[in-house]
Amino acid sequence: MDINYNELSLEQLKEINKRSAAAIADFENRAKKDAIQKATEIAKAAGFASLEDMLVAQPAKQKAEPKYRHPENPELTWSGRGRKPGWIAEALEAGKSLDDFAI
């Protein structure tokens, strides 16, 4: 489909844009419905009553137990996972070790 957009008026370009946006939204909605239908079929084949039942059945992530505690503020803890909190990073830069904060 070769269209010379330079020959079209502003109104024609806006109409093309409007129809294209509607067609894209319609396509995405159909794809979403199809994906939900397929996922529902998989859930039912796995023994769930519905897709929602399967999604609810996923175990929640457990919060890691803290391994380190701030010496002056015991409410500040860190599990040792993820990014180091500022108070740990500052203490390490000051020459302390993680063992100084171990619980």
PDB file of N, CA and C in Angstrom:
ATOM      1  N   MET A   1       0.846  -1.158   0.000  1.00  0.00           N
ATOM      2  CA  MET A   1       0.000   0.000   0.000  1.00  0.00           C
ATOM      3  C   MET A   1       0.899   1.230   0.000  1.00  0.00           C
ATOM      4  N   ASP A   2       0.987   1.872  -1.155  1.00  0.00           N
ATOM      5  CA  ASP A   2       1.796   3.081  -1.279  1.00  0.00           C
ATOM      6  C   ASP A   2       0.893   4.290  -1.283  1.00  0.00           C
ATOM      7  N   ILE A   3       1.025   5.118  -0.269  1.00  0.00           N
ATOM      8  CA  ILE A   3       0.258   6.349  -0.167  1.00  0.00           C
ATOM      9  C   ILE A   3       1.253   7.486  -0.087  1.00  0.00           C
ATOM     10  N   ASN A   4       1.045   8.487  -0.923  1.00  0.00           N
ATOM     11  CA  ASN A   4       1.889   9.668  -0.869  1.00  0.00           C
ATOM     12  C   ASN A   4       1.247  10.635   0.123  1.00  0.00           C
ATOM     13  N   TYR A   5       1.730  10.604   1.347  1.00  0.00           N
ATOM     14  CA  TYR A   5       1.142  11.415   2.405  1.00  0.00           C
ATOM     15  C   TYR A   5       1.348  12.907   2.158  1.00  0.00           C
ATOM     16  N   ASN A   6       2.335  13.253   1.369  1.00  0.00           N
ATOM     17  CA  ASN A   6       2.586  14.666   1.077  1.00  0.00           C
ATOM     18  C   ASN A   6       1.489  15.285   0.217  1.00  0.00           C
ATOM     19  N   GLU A   7       0.723  14.452  -0.473  1.00  0.00           N
ATOM     20  CA  GLU A   7      -0.344  14.965  -1.328  1.00  0.00           C
ATOM     21  C   GLU A   7      -1.676  15.091  -0.596  1.00  0.00           C
ATOM     22  N   LEU A   8      -1.757  14.595   0.625  1.00  0.00           N
ATOM     23  CA  LEU A   8      -3.010  14.608   1.374  1.00  0.00           C
ATOM     24  C   LEU A   8      -3.155  15.909   2.158  1.00  0.00           C
ATOM     25  N   SER A   9      -4.407  16.275   2.372  1.00  0.00           N
ATOM     26  CA  SER A   9      -4.683  17.464   3.177  1.00  0.00           C
ATOM     27  C   SER A   9      -4.526  17.113   4.659  1.00  0.00           C
ATOM     28  N   LEU A  10      -4.501  18.138   5.488  1.00  0.00           N
ATOM     29  CA  LEU A  10      -4.398  17.928   6.925  1.00  0.00           C
ATOM     30  C   LEU A  10      -5.589  17.138   7.435  1.00  0.00           C
ATOM     31  N   GLU A  11      -6.777  17.440   6.937  1.00  0.00           N
ATOM     32  CA  GLU A  11      -7.979  16.716   7.365  1.00  0.00           C
ATOM     33  C   GLU A  11      -7.907  15.245   6.980  1.00  0.00           C
ATOM     34  N   GLN A  12      -7.394  14.964   5.792  1.00  0.00           N
ATOM     35  CA  GLN A  12      -7.268  13.574   5.363  1.00  0.00           C
ATOM     36  C   GLN A  12      -6.246  12.829   6.241  1.00  0.00           C
ATOM     37  N   LEU A  13      -5.141  13.503   6.553  1.00  0.00           N
ATOM     38  CA  LEU A  13      -4.132  12.885   7.413  1.00  0.00           C
ATOM     39  C   LEU A  13      -4.687  12.610   8.805  1.00  0.00           C
ATOM     40  N   LYS A  14      -5.469  13.560   9.350  1.00  0.00           N
ATOM     41  CA  LYS A  14      -6.070  13.364  10.661  1.00  0.00           C
ATOM     42  C   LYS A  14      -7.061  12.210  10.647  1.00  0.00           C
ATOM     43  N   GLU A  15      -7.813  12.072   9.571  1.00  0.00           N
ATOM     44  CA  GLU A  15      -8.771  10.970   9.450  1.00  0.00           C
ATOM     45  C   GLU A  15      -8.038   9.632   9.400  1.00  0.00           C
ATOM     46  N   ILE A  16      -6.936   9.571   8.646  1.00  0.00           N
ATOM     47  CA  ILE A  16      -6.130   8.350   8.586  1.00  0.00           C
ATOM     48  C   ILE A  16      -5.586   8.025   9.974  1.00  0.00           C
ATOM     49  N   ASN A  17      -5.103   9.049  10.665  1.00  0.00           N
ATOM     50  CA  ASN A  17      -4.568   8.864  12.011  1.00  0.00           C
ATOM     51  C   ASN A  17      -5.645   8.342  12.958  1.00  0.00           C
ATOM     52  N   LYS A  18      -6.842   8.928  12.879  1.00  0.00           N
ATOM     53  CA  LYS A  18      -7.955   8.517  13.741  1.00  0.00           C
ATOM     54  C   LYS A  18      -8.356   7.069  13.465  1.00  0.00           C
ATOM     55  N   ARG A  19      -8.475   6.714  12.197  1.00  0.00           N
ATOM     56  CA  ARG A  19      -8.864   5.340  11.841  1.00  0.00           C
ATOM     57  C   ARG A  19      -7.768   4.339  12.229  1.00  0.00           C
ATOM     58  N   SER A  20      -6.516   4.752  12.050  1.00  0.00           N
ATOM     59  CA  SER A  20      -5.399   3.868  12.412  1.00  0.00           C
ATOM     60  C   SER A  20      -5.389   3.613  13.908  1.00  0.00           C
ATOM     61  N   ALA A  21      -5.589   4.660  14.706  1.00  0.00           N
ATOM     62  CA  ALA A  21      -5.598   4.502  16.165  1.00  0.00           C
ATOM     63  C   ALA A  21      -6.722   3.571  16.592  1.00  0.00           C
ATOM     64  N   ALA A  22      -7.886   3.723  15.959  1.00  0.00           N
ATOM     65  CA  ALA A  22      -9.019   2.855  16.296  1.00  0.00           C
ATOM     66  C   ALA A  22      -8.723   1.408  15.894  1.00  0.00           C
ATOM     67  N   ALA A  23      -8.116   1.225  14.734  1.00  0.00           N
ATOM     68  CA  ALA A  23      -7.796  -0.130  14.266  1.00  0.00           C
ATOM     69  C   ALA A  23      -6.754  -0.780  15.176  1.00  0.00           C
ATOM     70  N   ILE A  24      -5.773   0.001  15.629  1.00  0.00           N
ATOM     71  CA  ILE A  24      -4.743  -0.526  16.531  1.00  0.00           C
ATOM     72  C   ILE A  24      -5.369  -0.924  17.861  1.00  0.00           C
ATOM     73  N   ALA A  25      -6.217  -0.068  18.410  1.00  0.00           N
ATOM     74  CA  ALA A  25      -6.884  -0.380  19.683  1.00  0.00           C
ATOM     75  C   ALA A  25      -7.744  -1.632  19.544  1.00  0.00           C
ATOM     76  N   ASP A  26      -8.462  -1.761  18.438  1.00  0.00           N
ATOM     77  CA  ASP A  26      -9.301  -2.938  18.199  1.00  0.00           C
ATOM     78  C   ASP A  26      -8.439  -4.197  18.102  1.00  0.00           C
ATOM     79  N   PHE A  27      -7.323  -4.105  17.390  1.00  0.00           N
ATOM     80  CA  PHE A  27      -6.417  -5.239  17.253  1.00  0.00           C
ATOM     81  C   PHE A  27      -5.881  -5.662  18.622  1.00  0.00           C
ATOM     82  N   GLU A  28      -5.443  -4.686  19.434  1.00  0.00           N
ATOM     83  CA  GLU A  28      -4.902  -5.003  20.756  1.00  0.00           C
ATOM     84  C   GLU A  28      -5.960  -5.624  21.659  1.00  0.00           C
ATOM     85  N   ASN A  29      -7.199  -5.142  21.581  1.00  0.00           N
ATOM     86  CA  ASN A  29      -8.287  -5.720  22.374  1.00  0.00           C
ATOM     87  C   ASN A  29      -8.559  -7.162  21.981  1.00  0.00           C
ATOM     88  N   ARG A  30      -8.562  -7.432  20.663  1.00  0.00           N
ATOM     89  CA  ARG A  30      -8.779  -8.808  20.202  1.00  0.00           C
ATOM     90  C   ARG A  30      -7.641  -9.712  20.669  1.00  0.00           C
ATOM     91  N   ALA A  31      -6.414  -9.221  20.592  1.00  0.00           N
ATOM     92  CA  ALA A  31      -5.261 -10.022  21.021  1.00  0.00           C
ATOM     93  C   ALA A  31      -5.336 -10.297  22.514  1.00  0.00           C
ATOM     94  N   LYS A  32      -5.750  -9.314  23.290  1.00  0.00           N
ATOM     95  CA  LYS A  32      -5.867  -9.491  24.740  1.00  0.00           C
ATOM     96  C   LYS A  32      -6.942 -10.519  25.066  1.00  0.00           C
ATOM     97  N   LYS A  33      -8.107 -10.412  24.410  1.00  0.00           N
ATOM     98  CA  LYS A  33      -9.182 -11.376  24.643  1.00  0.00           C
ATOM     99  C   LYS A  33      -8.732 -12.786  24.272  1.00  0.00           C
ATOM    100  N   ASP A  34      -7.990 -12.907  23.170  1.00  0.00           N
ATOM    101  CA  ASP A  34      -7.505 -14.215  22.737  1.00  0.00           C
ATOM    102  C   ASP A  34      -6.527 -14.783  23.763  1.00  0.00           C
ATOM    103  N   ALA A  35      -5.635 -13.945  24.276  1.00  0.00           N
ATOM    104  CA  ALA A  35      -4.670 -14.401  25.271  1.00  0.00           C
ATOM    105  C   ALA A  35      -5.368 -14.829  26.556  1.00  0.00           C
ATOM    106  N   ILE A  36      -6.375 -14.076  26.984  1.00  0.00           N
ATOM    107  CA  ILE A  36      -7.124 -14.432  28.192  1.00  0.00           C
ATOM    108  C   ILE A  36      -7.850 -15.758  27.993  1.00  0.00           C
ATOM    109  N   GLN A  37      -8.426 -15.939  26.804  1.00  0.00           N
ATOM    110  CA  GLN A  37      -9.135 -17.189  26.520  1.00  0.00           C
ATOM    111  C   GLN A  37      -8.168 -18.375  26.561  1.00  0.00           C
ATOM    112  N   LYS A  38      -6.996 -18.215  25.958  1.00  0.00           N
ATOM    113  CA  LYS A  38      -6.012 -19.299  25.969  1.00  0.00           C
ATOM    114  C   LYS A  38      -5.536 -19.592  27.392  1.00  0.00           C
ATOM    115  N   ALA A  39      -5.288 -18.540  28.165  1.00  0.00           N
ATOM    116  CA  ALA A  39      -4.841 -18.726  29.546  1.00  0.00           C
ATOM    117  C   ALA A  39      -5.924 -19.403  30.379  1.00  0.00           C
ATOM    118  N   THR A  40      -7.178 -19.048  30.124  1.00  0.00           N
ATOM    119  CA  THR A  40      -8.300 -19.674  30.839  1.00  0.00           C
ATOM    120  C   THR A  40      -8.376 -21.156  30.514  1.00  0.00           C
ATOM    121  N   GLU A  41      -8.189 -21.506  29.246  1.00  0.00           N
ATOM    122  CA  GLU A  41      -8.199 -22.910  28.845  1.00  0.00           C
ATOM    123  C   GLU A  41      -7.063 -23.684  29.528  1.00  0.00           C
ATOM    124  N   ILE A  42      -5.886 -23.070  29.617  1.00  0.00           N
ATOM    125  CA  ILE A  42      -4.750 -23.719  30.276  1.00  0.00           C
ATOM    126  C   ILE A  42      -5.050 -23.909  31.760  1.00  0.00           C
ATOM    127  N   ALA A  43      -5.635 -22.890  32.390  1.00  0.00           N
ATOM    128  CA  ALA A  43      -5.972 -22.986  33.815  1.00  0.00           C
ATOM    129  C   ALA A  43      -6.968 -24.112  34.054  1.00  0.00           C
ATOM    130  N   LYS A  44      -7.995 -24.192  33.208  1.00  0.00           N
ATOM    131  CA  LYS A  44      -9.001 -25.250  33.369  1.00  0.00           C
ATOM    132  C   LYS A  44      -8.400 -26.626  33.132  1.00  0.00           C
ATOM    133  N   ALA A  45      -7.488 -26.721  32.148  1.00  0.00           N
ATOM    134  CA  ALA A  45      -6.835 -28.000  31.879  1.00  0.00           C
ATOM    135  C   ALA A  45      -5.955 -28.428  33.055  1.00  0.00           C
ATOM    136  N   ALA A  46      -5.468 -27.448  33.822  1.00  0.00           N
ATOM    137  CA  ALA A  46      -4.629 -27.754  34.986  1.00  0.00           C
ATOM    138  C   ALA A  46      -5.463 -28.007  36.237  1.00  0.00           C
ATOM    139  N   GLY A  47      -6.797 -27.950  36.112  1.00  0.00           N
ATOM    140  CA  GLY A  47      -7.653 -28.285  37.235  1.00  0.00           C
ATOM    141  C   GLY A  47      -8.206 -27.102  38.010  1.00  0.00           C
ATOM    142  N   PHE A  48      -7.976 -25.888  37.544  1.00  0.00           N
ATOM    143  CA  PHE A  48      -8.520 -24.711  38.220  1.00  0.00           C
ATOM    144  C   PHE A  48      -9.889 -24.394  37.647  1.00  0.00           C
ATOM    145  N   ALA A  49     -10.765 -23.844  38.471  1.00  0.00           N
ATOM    146  CA  ALA A  49     -12.111 -23.504  38.020  1.00  0.00           C
ATOM    147  C   ALA A  49     -12.087 -22.328  37.051  1.00  0.00           C
ATOM    148  N   SER A  50     -11.129 -21.440  37.241  1.00  0.00           N
ATOM    149  CA  SER A  50     -11.043 -20.261  36.375  1.00  0.00           C
ATOM    150  C   SER A  50      -9.611 -19.746  36.362  1.00  0.00           C
ATOM    151  N   LEU A  51      -9.343 -18.805  35.493  1.00  0.00           N
ATOM    152  CA  LEU A  51      -8.029 -18.170  35.428  1.00  0.00           C
ATOM    153  C   LEU A  51      -7.740 -17.436  36.732  1.00  0.00           C
ATOM    154  N   GLU A  52      -8.761 -16.794  37.283  1.00  0.00           N
ATOM    155  CA  GLU A  52      -8.587 -16.052  38.536  1.00  0.00           C
ATOM    156  C   GLU A  52      -8.171 -16.986  39.674  1.00  0.00           C
ATOM    157  N   ASP A  53      -8.762 -18.189  39.722  1.00  0.00           N
ATOM    158  CA  ASP A  53      -8.396 -19.155  40.749  1.00  0.00           C
ATOM    159  C   ASP A  53      -6.922 -19.549  40.638  1.00  0.00           C
ATOM    160  N   MET A  54      -6.453 -19.687  39.414  1.00  0.00           N
ATOM    161  CA  MET A  54      -5.063 -20.051  39.214  1.00  0.00           C
ATOM    162  C   MET A  54      -4.141 -18.913  39.666  1.00  0.00           C
ATOM    163  N   LEU A  55      -4.510 -17.690  39.349  1.00  0.00           N
ATOM    164  CA  LEU A  55      -3.667 -16.556  39.715  1.00  0.00           C
ATOM    165  C   LEU A  55      -3.623 -16.342  41.218  1.00  0.00           C
ATOM    166  N   VAL A  56      -4.738 -16.559  41.891  1.00  0.00           N
ATOM    167  CA  VAL A  56      -4.793 -16.409  43.350  1.00  0.00           C
ATOM    168  C   VAL A  56      -3.997 -17.521  44.016  1.00  0.00           C
ATOM    169  N   ALA A  57      -3.882 -18.671  43.373  1.00  0.00           N
ATOM    170  CA  ALA A  57      -3.217 -19.817  43.976  1.00  0.00           C
ATOM    171  C   ALA A  57      -1.704 -19.666  44.026  1.00  0.00           C
ATOM    172  N   GLN A  58      -1.156 -18.636  43.386  1.00  0.00           N
ATOM    173  CA  GLN A  58       0.283 -18.453  43.402  1.00  0.00           C
ATOM    174  C   GLN A  58       0.745 -18.089  44.812  1.00  0.00           C
ATOM    175  N   PRO A  59       1.806 -18.731  45.286  1.00  0.00           N
ATOM    176  CA  PRO A  59       2.293 -18.405  46.631  1.00  0.00           C
ATOM    177  C   PRO A  59       2.878 -16.998  46.667  1.00  0.00           C
ATOM    178  N   ALA A  60       2.617 -16.313  47.746  1.00  0.00           N
ATOM    179  CA  ALA A  60       3.161 -14.964  47.923  1.00  0.00           C
ATOM    180  C   ALA A  60       4.648 -15.061  48.240  1.00  0.00           C
ATOM    181  N   LYS A  61       5.393 -14.074  47.799  1.00  0.00           N
ATOM    182  CA  LYS A  61       6.816 -14.047  48.116  1.00  0.00           C
ATOM    183  C   LYS A  61       6.979 -13.799  49.608  1.00  0.00           C
ATOM    184  N   GLN A  62       7.865 -14.558  50.194  1.00  0.00           N
ATOM    185  CA  GLN A  62       8.119 -14.389  51.615  1.00  0.00           C
ATOM    186  C   GLN A  62       9.193 -13.328  51.812  1.00  0.00           C
ATOM    187  N   LYS A  63       8.968 -12.481  52.779  1.00  0.00           N
ATOM    188  CA  LYS A  63       9.932 -11.449  53.094  1.00  0.00           C
ATOM    189  C   LYS A  63      11.116 -12.093  53.788  1.00  0.00           C
ATOM    190  N   ALA A  64      12.311 -11.725  53.358  1.00  0.00           N
ATOM    191  CA  ALA A  64      13.521 -12.293  53.948  1.00  0.00           C
ATOM    192  C   ALA A  64      13.715 -11.778  55.367  1.00  0.00           C
ATOM    193  N   GLU A  65      14.196 -12.647  56.217  1.00  0.00           N
ATOM    194  CA  GLU A  65      14.470 -12.275  57.603  1.00  0.00           C
ATOM    195  C   GLU A  65      15.670 -11.327  57.653  1.00  0.00           C
ATOM    196  N   PRO A  66      15.635 -10.344  58.526  1.00  0.00           N
ATOM    197  CA  PRO A  66      16.780  -9.434  58.623  1.00  0.00           C
ATOM    198  C   PRO A  66      18.014 -10.128  59.192  1.00  0.00           C
ATOM    199  N   LYS A  67      19.170  -9.798  58.649  1.00  0.00           N
ATOM    200  CA  LYS A  67      20.442 -10.346  59.115  1.00  0.00           C
ATOM    201  C   LYS A  67      21.290  -9.269  59.794  1.00  0.00           C
ATOM    202  N   TYR A  68      20.960  -8.002  59.493  1.00  0.00           N
ATOM    203  CA  TYR A  68      21.767  -6.906  60.019  1.00  0.00           C
ATOM    204  C   TYR A  68      20.843  -5.858  60.640  1.00  0.00           C
ATOM    205  N   ARG A  69      21.341  -5.248  61.731  1.00  0.00           N
ATOM    206  CA  ARG A  69      20.535  -4.249  62.450  1.00  0.00           C
ATOM    207  C   ARG A  69      21.410  -3.031  62.749  1.00  0.00           C
ATOM    208  N   HIS A  70      20.819  -1.868  62.619  1.00  0.00           N
ATOM    209  CA  HIS A  70      21.500  -0.619  62.952  1.00  0.00           C
ATOM    210  C   HIS A  70      21.756  -0.605  64.462  1.00  0.00           C
ATOM    211  N   PRO A  71      22.976  -0.265  64.906  1.00  0.00           N
ATOM    212  CA  PRO A  71      23.284  -0.334  66.335  1.00  0.00           C
ATOM    213  C   PRO A  71      22.544   0.705  67.177  1.00  0.00           C
ATOM    214  N   GLU A  72      22.199   1.846  66.612  1.00  0.00           N
ATOM    215  CA  GLU A  72      21.541   2.898  67.378  1.00  0.00           C
ATOM    216  C   GLU A  72      20.030   2.922  67.186  1.00  0.00           C
ATOM    217  N   ASN A  73      19.565   2.399  66.047  1.00  0.00           N
ATOM    218  CA  ASN A  73      18.130   2.377  65.756  1.00  0.00           C
ATOM    219  C   ASN A  73      17.750   0.955  65.359  1.00  0.00           C
ATOM    220  N   PRO A  74      17.298   0.145  66.299  1.00  0.00           N
ATOM    221  CA  PRO A  74      17.017  -1.268  66.005  1.00  0.00           C
ATOM    222  C   PRO A  74      15.872  -1.489  65.019  1.00  0.00           C
ATOM    223  N   GLU A  75      15.132  -0.437  64.707  1.00  0.00           N
ATOM    224  CA  GLU A  75      14.073  -0.590  63.701  1.00  0.00           C
ATOM    225  C   GLU A  75      14.635  -0.653  62.290  1.00  0.00           C
ATOM    226  N   LEU A  76      15.866  -0.181  62.104  1.00  0.00           N
ATOM    227  CA  LEU A  76      16.510  -0.236  60.796  1.00  0.00           C
ATOM    228  C   LEU A  76      17.216  -1.571  60.648  1.00  0.00           C
ATOM    229  N   THR A  77      16.726  -2.378  59.724  1.00  0.00           N
ATOM    230  CA  THR A  77      17.324  -3.689  59.480  1.00  0.00           C
ATOM    231  C   THR A  77      17.539  -3.880  57.990  1.00  0.00           C
ATOM    232  N   TRP A  78      18.322  -4.911  57.670  1.00  0.00           N
ATOM    233  CA  TRP A  78      18.581  -5.261  56.268  1.00  0.00           C
ATOM    234  C   TRP A  78      18.757  -6.762  56.193  1.00  0.00           C
ATOM    235  N   SER A  79      18.165  -7.366  55.170  1.00  0.00           N
ATOM    236  CA  SER A  79      18.221  -8.823  55.018  1.00  0.00           C
ATOM    237  C   SER A  79      19.517  -9.294  54.378  1.00  0.00           C
ATOM    238  N   GLY A  80      20.281  -8.377  53.814  1.00  0.00           N
ATOM    239  CA  GLY A  80      21.483  -8.777  53.092  1.00  0.00           C
ATOM    240  C   GLY A  80      21.202  -8.993  51.617  1.00  0.00           C
ATOM    241  N   ARG A  81      19.946  -8.834  51.235  1.00  0.00           N
ATOM    242  CA  ARG A  81      19.548  -8.982  49.827  1.00  0.00           C
ATOM    243  C   ARG A  81      19.273  -7.604  49.243  1.00  0.00           C
ATOM    244  N   GLY A  82      19.530  -7.492  47.965  1.00  0.00           N
ATOM    245  CA  GLY A  82      19.228  -6.236  47.287  1.00  0.00           C
ATOM    246  C   GLY A  82      20.258  -5.155  47.602  1.00  0.00           C
ATOM    247  N   ARG A  83      19.892  -3.956  47.269  1.00  0.00           N
ATOM    248  CA  ARG A  83      20.767  -2.811  47.444  1.00  0.00           C
ATOM    249  C   ARG A  83      21.013  -2.532  48.929  1.00  0.00           C
ATOM    250  N   LYS A  84      22.260  -2.199  49.242  1.00  0.00           N
ATOM    251  CA  LYS A  84      22.606  -1.894  50.635  1.00  0.00           C
ATOM    252  C   LYS A  84      21.925  -0.592  51.051  1.00  0.00           C
ATOM    253  N   PRO A  85      21.326  -0.568  52.246  1.00  0.00           N
ATOM    254  CA  PRO A  85      20.764   0.690  52.727  1.00  0.00           C
ATOM    255  C   PRO A  85      21.887   1.696  52.996  1.00  0.00           C
ATOM    256  N   GLY A  86      21.517   2.960  53.002  1.00  0.00           N
ATOM    257  CA  GLY A  86      22.504   4.018  53.178  1.00  0.00           C
ATOM    258  C   GLY A  86      23.337   3.869  54.438  1.00  0.00           C
ATOM    259  N   TRP A  87      22.703   3.485  55.545  1.00  0.00           N
ATOM    260  CA  TRP A  87      23.437   3.378  56.804  1.00  0.00           C
ATOM    261  C   TRP A  87      24.483   2.279  56.765  1.00  0.00           C
ATOM    262  N   ILE A  88      24.228   1.214  56.018  1.00  0.00           N
ATOM    263  CA  ILE A  88      25.223   0.137  55.864  1.00  0.00           C
ATOM    264  C   ILE A  88      26.356   0.622  54.964  1.00  0.00           C
ATOM    265  N   ALA A  89      25.995   1.236  53.834  1.00  0.00           N
ATOM    266  CA  ALA A  89      27.010   1.711  52.893  1.00  0.00           C
ATOM    267  C   ALA A  89      27.934   2.720  53.561  1.00  0.00           C
ATOM    268  N   GLU A  90      27.377   3.635  54.348  1.00  0.00           N
ATOM    269  CA  GLU A  90      28.190   4.642  55.045  1.00  0.00           C
ATOM    270  C   GLU A  90      29.119   3.993  56.060  1.00  0.00           C
ATOM    271  N   ALA A  91      28.610   3.020  56.780  1.00  0.00           N
ATOM    272  CA  ALA A  91      29.427   2.349  57.784  1.00  0.00           C
ATOM    273  C   ALA A  91      30.558   1.562  57.137  1.00  0.00           C
ATOM    274  N   LEU A  92      30.291   0.913  56.023  1.00  0.00           N
ATOM    275  CA  LEU A  92      31.327   0.152  55.326  1.00  0.00           C
ATOM    276  C   LEU A  92      32.412   1.091  54.804  1.00  0.00           C
ATOM    277  N   GLU A  93      32.006   2.252  54.305  1.00  0.00           N
ATOM    278  CA  GLU A  93      32.979   3.245  53.834  1.00  0.00           C
ATOM    279  C   GLU A  93      33.821   3.768  54.996  1.00  0.00           C
ATOM    280  N   ALA A  94      33.245   3.799  56.182  1.00  0.00           N
ATOM    281  CA  ALA A  94      33.953   4.292  57.368  1.00  0.00           C
ATOM    282  C   ALA A  94      34.852   3.224  57.988  1.00  0.00           C
ATOM    283  N   GLY A  95      34.907   2.034  57.388  1.00  0.00           N
ATOM    284  CA  GLY A  95      35.817   1.004  57.871  1.00  0.00           C
ATOM    285  C   GLY A  95      35.164  -0.113  58.674  1.00  0.00           C
ATOM    286  N   LYS A  96      33.887  -0.044  58.905  1.00  0.00           N
ATOM    287  CA  LYS A  96      33.188  -1.112  59.640  1.00  0.00           C
ATOM    288  C   LYS A  96      33.012  -2.309  58.711  1.00  0.00           C
ATOM    289  N   SER A  97      32.637  -3.443  59.297  1.00  0.00           N
ATOM    290  CA  SER A  97      32.343  -4.626  58.498  1.00  0.00           C
ATOM    291  C   SER A  97      30.881  -5.033  58.742  1.00  0.00           C
ATOM    292  N   LEU A  98      30.376  -5.877  57.884  1.00  0.00           N
ATOM    293  CA  LEU A  98      29.005  -6.346  58.050  1.00  0.00           C
ATOM    294  C   LEU A  98      28.832  -7.114  59.354  1.00  0.00           C
ATOM    295  N   ASP A  99      29.903  -7.756  59.805  1.00  0.00           N
ATOM    296  CA  ASP A  99      29.822  -8.496  61.069  1.00  0.00           C
ATOM    297  C   ASP A  99      29.486  -7.590  62.245  1.00  0.00           C
ATOM    298  N   ASP A 100      29.821  -6.306  62.124  1.00  0.00           N
ATOM    299  CA  ASP A 100      29.506  -5.355  63.206  1.00  0.00           C
ATOM    300  C   ASP A 100      28.004  -5.145  63.353  1.00  0.00           C
ATOM    301  N   PHE A 101      27.246  -5.480  62.335  1.00  0.00           N
ATOM    302  CA  PHE A 101      25.804  -5.246  62.346  1.00  0.00           C
ATOM    303  C   PHE A 101      24.996  -6.538  62.365  1.00  0.00           C
ATOM    304  N   ALA A 102      25.663  -7.665  62.389  1.00  0.00           N
ATOM    305  CA  ALA A 102      24.966  -8.950  62.336  1.00  0.00           C
ATOM    306  C   ALA A 102      24.062  -9.132  63.546  1.00  0.00           C
ATOM    307  N   ILE A 103      22.921  -9.723  63.301  1.00  0.00           N
ATOM    308  CA  ILE A 103      21.937  -9.973  64.365  1.00  0.00           C
ATOM    309  C   ILE A 103      22.265 -11.295  65.014  1.00  0.00           C
TER     310      ILE A 103
END
